[in-house]
Amino acid sequence: MTDNQFGLTRAQLRTPRAAAVAGVVFSVLLLAVFWLMRLSVPADPYEPGAWLKGSVSSVVVALNLVPFAGVAFLWFIGALRDRLGAREDRFFATVFLGSGLLVLAMLFAAAGVVGAIIIAFHAAPEAMIDSATFHFGRGLAYGMINIYVVKTASVFMITTSTIALYTRLTPRWLAIGGYAVAVVLLIGSYYFDWSLLVFPLWVLLVSVCILTDEQAPPEA
């Protein structure tokens, strides 16, 4: 392949600047998912499943939003890697990408478990309520979201903050704040109901900083 062809290929594969908007889309969608879930599903993992007898339309809407949030998060990761360019370190890049993919995998798996619980209830309502199968699925989804997703997201935040601190990807205050919040979530996410909201809000801040920096006029 000639240099001209190589240059043309690189130009065609450049990440669009609008990809940074994906972080905002992911944050809004994930916050909407958590809010819709909380409208119907009690926070107590030991509840007997009475919410299944009521309207689960908000839960169904939330489950349908999860794939869109996941795709937006992938675009957000791609936008960050493109912004780093040649400054990307292999070690931190591996942890950064791996933790991000784990967050998505567990989020999708938890959504699948909740969807399976709803389908199983409609197939056999009397057998499902307060059954061992329901409690297993409820506990599995609860553990994935409130423990493993949050803790893996904390690793993602720590890695991203480390990269941002050394490459000036984001303002210094945001990188240091990411460290502080991530450490608290890593240790005590099980005890804070609001821990689910921290990650999408942090992604929203990072995305806004990137978009603001891209739209700022160049220095003279």
Protein backbone atom coordinates (compact mmCIF):
# COMPACT_ATOMS: atom_id res chain seq x y z
CA MET A 1 0.00 0.00 0.00
CA THR A 2 1.40 3.42 -0.96
CA ASP A 3 1.77 6.34 1.45
CA ASN A 4 -1.06 8.18 -0.32
CA GLN A 5 -3.40 5.21 0.04
CA PHE A 6 -2.43 4.80 3.70
CA GLY A 7 -3.10 8.46 4.37
CA LEU A 8 -6.46 8.25 2.61
CA THR A 9 -7.46 5.22 4.70
CA ARG A 10 -6.52 7.00 7.93
CA ALA A 11 -8.53 10.04 6.90
CA GLN A 12 -11.59 7.90 6.19
CA LEU A 13 -11.35 6.10 9.55
CA ARG A 14 -11.00 9.21 11.72
CA THR A 15 -13.35 9.28 14.67
CA PRO A 16 -16.07 11.92 14.21
CA ARG A 17 -15.89 14.78 16.70
CA ALA A 18 -19.54 14.17 17.54
CA ALA A 19 -18.52 10.85 19.13
CA ALA A 20 -17.85 12.73 22.36
CA VAL A 21 -21.61 13.41 22.54
CA ALA A 22 -22.00 9.67 23.10
CA GLY A 23 -20.87 10.13 26.70
CA VAL A 24 -23.73 12.55 27.30
CA VAL A 25 -26.20 10.17 25.62
CA PHE A 26 -24.93 7.25 27.73
CA SER A 27 -25.25 9.26 30.95
CA VAL A 28 -28.78 10.42 30.21
CA LEU A 29 -29.94 6.95 29.15
CA LEU A 30 -28.38 5.18 32.14
CA LEU A 31 -29.85 7.70 34.58
CA ALA A 32 -33.22 7.14 32.90
CA VAL A 33 -32.79 3.36 33.24
CA PHE A 34 -32.06 3.60 36.98
CA TRP A 35 -34.95 6.02 37.52
CA LEU A 36 -37.45 3.86 35.63
CA MET A 37 -36.32 0.74 37.46
CA ARG A 38 -36.68 2.43 40.82
CA LEU A 39 -40.27 3.44 39.98
CA SER A 40 -41.36 -0.23 40.03
CA VAL A 41 -38.65 -2.35 41.61
CA PRO A 42 -38.05 -1.91 45.38
CA ALA A 43 -34.48 -1.37 46.52
CA ASP A 44 -34.74 -4.21 49.05
CA PRO A 45 -33.31 -7.40 47.48
CA TYR A 46 -35.31 -9.54 49.95
CA GLU A 47 -38.75 -8.30 48.89
CA PRO A 48 -41.06 -11.15 47.80
CA GLY A 49 -41.74 -9.91 44.24
CA ALA A 50 -45.08 -8.19 44.72
CA TRP A 51 -44.03 -5.54 42.17
CA LEU A 52 -44.47 -8.13 39.41
CA LYS A 53 -48.23 -8.10 39.96
CA GLY A 54 -48.43 -4.38 39.21
CA SER A 55 -47.44 -2.46 36.11
CA VAL A 56 -43.97 -3.31 34.87
CA SER A 57 -44.12 -1.03 31.84
CA SER A 58 -41.44 1.27 33.27
CA VAL A 59 -39.15 -1.72 33.79
CA VAL A 60 -39.71 -2.90 30.22
CA VAL A 61 -38.88 0.58 28.89
CA ALA A 62 -35.73 0.63 31.03
CA LEU A 63 -34.61 -2.76 29.72
CA ASN A 64 -35.09 -1.57 26.14
CA LEU A 65 -32.94 1.49 26.82
CA VAL A 66 -29.99 -0.56 28.10
CA PRO A 67 -28.70 -1.64 24.63
CA PHE A 68 -28.73 1.97 23.41
CA ALA A 69 -26.86 3.07 26.52
CA GLY A 70 -24.31 0.29 25.93
CA VAL A 71 -23.67 1.33 22.33
CA ALA A 72 -23.29 4.96 23.41
CA PHE A 73 -20.75 3.90 26.06
CA LEU A 74 -18.71 2.07 23.42
CA TRP A 75 -18.65 5.24 21.34
CA PHE A 76 -17.59 7.18 24.44
CA ILE A 77 -14.66 4.80 25.01
CA GLY A 78 -13.70 5.14 21.35
CA ALA A 79 -13.81 8.93 21.60
CA LEU A 80 -11.50 8.88 24.63
CA ARG A 81 -9.00 6.56 22.93
CA ASP A 82 -9.03 8.67 19.79
CA ARG A 83 -8.38 11.80 21.87
CA LEU A 84 -5.40 10.12 23.53
CA GLY A 85 -3.87 9.03 20.23
CA ALA A 86 -0.16 8.18 20.46
CA ARG A 87 -0.08 9.15 24.15
CA GLU A 88 -2.03 6.02 25.08
CA ASP A 89 -0.10 3.67 27.39
CA ARG A 90 -0.55 -0.05 26.72
CA PHE A 91 -0.95 -1.04 30.36
CA PHE A 92 -3.52 1.60 31.27
CA ALA A 93 -5.22 1.23 27.89
CA THR A 94 -5.76 -2.49 28.58
CA VAL A 95 -7.25 -1.89 32.04
CA PHE A 96 -9.27 1.06 30.72
CA LEU A 97 -10.79 -0.91 27.84
CA GLY A 98 -11.19 -4.14 29.82
CA SER A 99 -13.00 -2.52 32.75
CA GLY A 100 -15.28 -0.61 30.37
CA LEU A 101 -16.24 -3.81 28.55
CA LEU A 102 -16.83 -5.59 31.88
CA VAL A 103 -19.20 -2.82 32.96
CA LEU A 104 -21.19 -3.29 29.77
CA ALA A 105 -21.17 -7.09 29.99
CA MET A 106 -22.52 -7.13 33.56
CA LEU A 107 -25.04 -4.38 32.82
CA PHE A 108 -26.39 -6.36 29.86
CA ALA A 109 -26.40 -9.59 31.88
CA ALA A 110 -28.31 -7.97 34.76
CA ALA A 111 -30.86 -6.55 32.31
CA GLY A 112 -31.24 -10.03 30.82
CA VAL A 113 -31.88 -11.53 34.26
CA VAL A 114 -34.57 -8.94 35.07
CA GLY A 115 -36.18 -9.52 31.66
CA ALA A 116 -36.18 -13.29 32.30
CA ILE A 117 -37.87 -12.76 35.68
CA ILE A 118 -40.70 -10.78 34.04
CA ILE A 119 -41.17 -13.38 31.29
CA ALA A 120 -41.17 -16.24 33.81
CA PHE A 121 -43.75 -14.45 35.95
CA HIS A 122 -46.13 -13.96 33.02
CA ALA A 123 -45.69 -17.63 32.09
CA ALA A 124 -46.51 -18.91 35.61
CA PRO A 125 -47.56 -16.08 37.96
CA GLU A 126 -48.49 -18.18 40.98
CA ALA A 127 -45.38 -20.32 40.82
CA MET A 128 -43.02 -17.37 40.38
CA ILE A 129 -44.01 -15.05 43.23
CA ASP A 130 -41.86 -15.62 46.33
CA SER A 131 -40.25 -18.70 44.76
CA ALA A 132 -36.62 -19.76 45.05
CA THR A 133 -36.18 -19.05 41.33
CA PHE A 134 -37.39 -15.48 41.76
CA HIS A 135 -35.12 -14.83 44.75
CA PHE A 136 -32.14 -16.29 42.88
CA GLY A 137 -32.73 -14.09 39.85
CA ARG A 138 -33.47 -11.02 41.99
CA GLY A 139 -30.34 -11.56 44.06
CA LEU A 140 -28.23 -12.15 40.95
CA ALA A 141 -29.40 -8.94 39.28
CA TYR A 142 -28.99 -6.98 42.52
CA GLY A 143 -25.44 -8.25 43.06
CA MET A 144 -24.42 -7.54 39.47
CA ILE A 145 -25.68 -3.96 39.51
CA ASN A 146 -25.06 -2.78 43.06
CA ILE A 147 -21.77 -4.55 43.68
CA TYR A 148 -19.94 -5.73 40.58
CA VAL A 149 -21.01 -3.09 38.05
CA VAL A 150 -20.30 -0.29 40.51
CA LYS A 151 -16.92 -1.68 41.54
CA THR A 152 -15.84 -2.34 37.95
CA ALA A 153 -17.01 1.17 37.06
CA SER A 154 -14.80 2.40 39.91
CA VAL A 155 -11.79 0.71 38.31
CA PHE A 156 -12.72 2.37 35.01
CA MET A 157 -12.91 5.74 36.75
CA ILE A 158 -9.54 5.27 38.48
CA THR A 159 -7.84 4.21 35.25
CA THR A 160 -9.40 7.02 33.23
CA SER A 161 -8.51 9.55 35.93
CA THR A 162 -4.90 8.32 35.92
CA ILE A 163 -4.70 8.67 32.15
CA ALA A 164 -6.37 12.10 32.32
CA LEU A 165 -4.00 13.28 35.03
CA TYR A 166 -0.87 12.52 33.02
CA THR A 167 -2.15 13.44 29.56
CA ARG A 168 -4.38 16.40 30.54
CA LEU A 169 -7.32 14.68 28.90
CA THR A 170 -9.63 16.41 31.41
CA PRO A 171 -9.16 19.21 33.95
CA ARG A 172 -7.03 18.24 36.94
CA TRP A 173 -9.88 18.75 39.40
CA LEU A 174 -12.05 16.26 37.54
CA ALA A 175 -9.31 13.61 37.49
CA ILE A 176 -8.62 14.00 41.22
CA GLY A 177 -12.34 14.01 41.96
CA GLY A 178 -12.68 10.81 39.94
CA TYR A 179 -10.07 9.18 42.18
CA ALA A 180 -11.85 10.23 45.37
CA VAL A 181 -15.32 9.13 44.29
CA ALA A 182 -14.05 5.86 42.79
CA VAL A 183 -12.26 4.87 46.00
CA VAL A 184 -15.40 5.52 48.07
CA LEU A 185 -17.51 3.42 45.67
CA LEU A 186 -14.90 0.67 45.51
CA ILE A 187 -15.01 0.25 49.28
CA GLY A 188 -18.56 1.11 50.23
CA SER A 189 -20.83 0.84 47.18
CA TYR A 190 -22.93 -1.83 48.92
CA TYR A 191 -23.95 0.67 51.62
CA PHE A 192 -24.94 3.64 49.42
CA ASP A 193 -28.15 3.61 47.38
CA TRP A 194 -26.92 6.63 45.38
CA SER A 195 -23.79 4.81 44.19
CA LEU A 196 -25.56 3.80 40.96
CA LEU A 197 -25.92 7.46 39.98
CA VAL A 198 -22.29 8.48 40.45
CA PHE A 199 -20.81 6.73 37.42
CA PRO A 200 -23.15 8.17 34.73
CA LEU A 201 -22.85 11.62 36.32
CA TRP A 202 -19.04 11.38 36.19
CA VAL A 203 -19.15 10.29 32.54
CA LEU A 204 -21.42 13.26 31.86
CA LEU A 205 -18.87 15.66 33.39
CA VAL A 206 -16.01 14.14 31.39
CA SER A 207 -18.02 14.34 28.16
CA VAL A 208 -18.99 17.97 28.76
CA CYS A 209 -15.34 18.87 29.45
CA ILE A 210 -14.23 17.17 26.23
CA LEU A 211 -16.95 18.87 24.18
CA THR A 212 -16.18 22.25 25.72
CA ASP A 213 -12.47 21.82 25.01
CA GLU A 214 -13.15 20.82 21.39
CA GLN A 215 -15.39 23.83 20.79
CA ALA A 216 -13.02 26.30 22.43
CA PRO A 217 -11.18 28.59 19.99
CA PRO A 218 -7.46 27.83 19.57
CA GLU A 219 -5.04 29.91 21.57
CA ALA A 220 -3.28 32.69 19.71
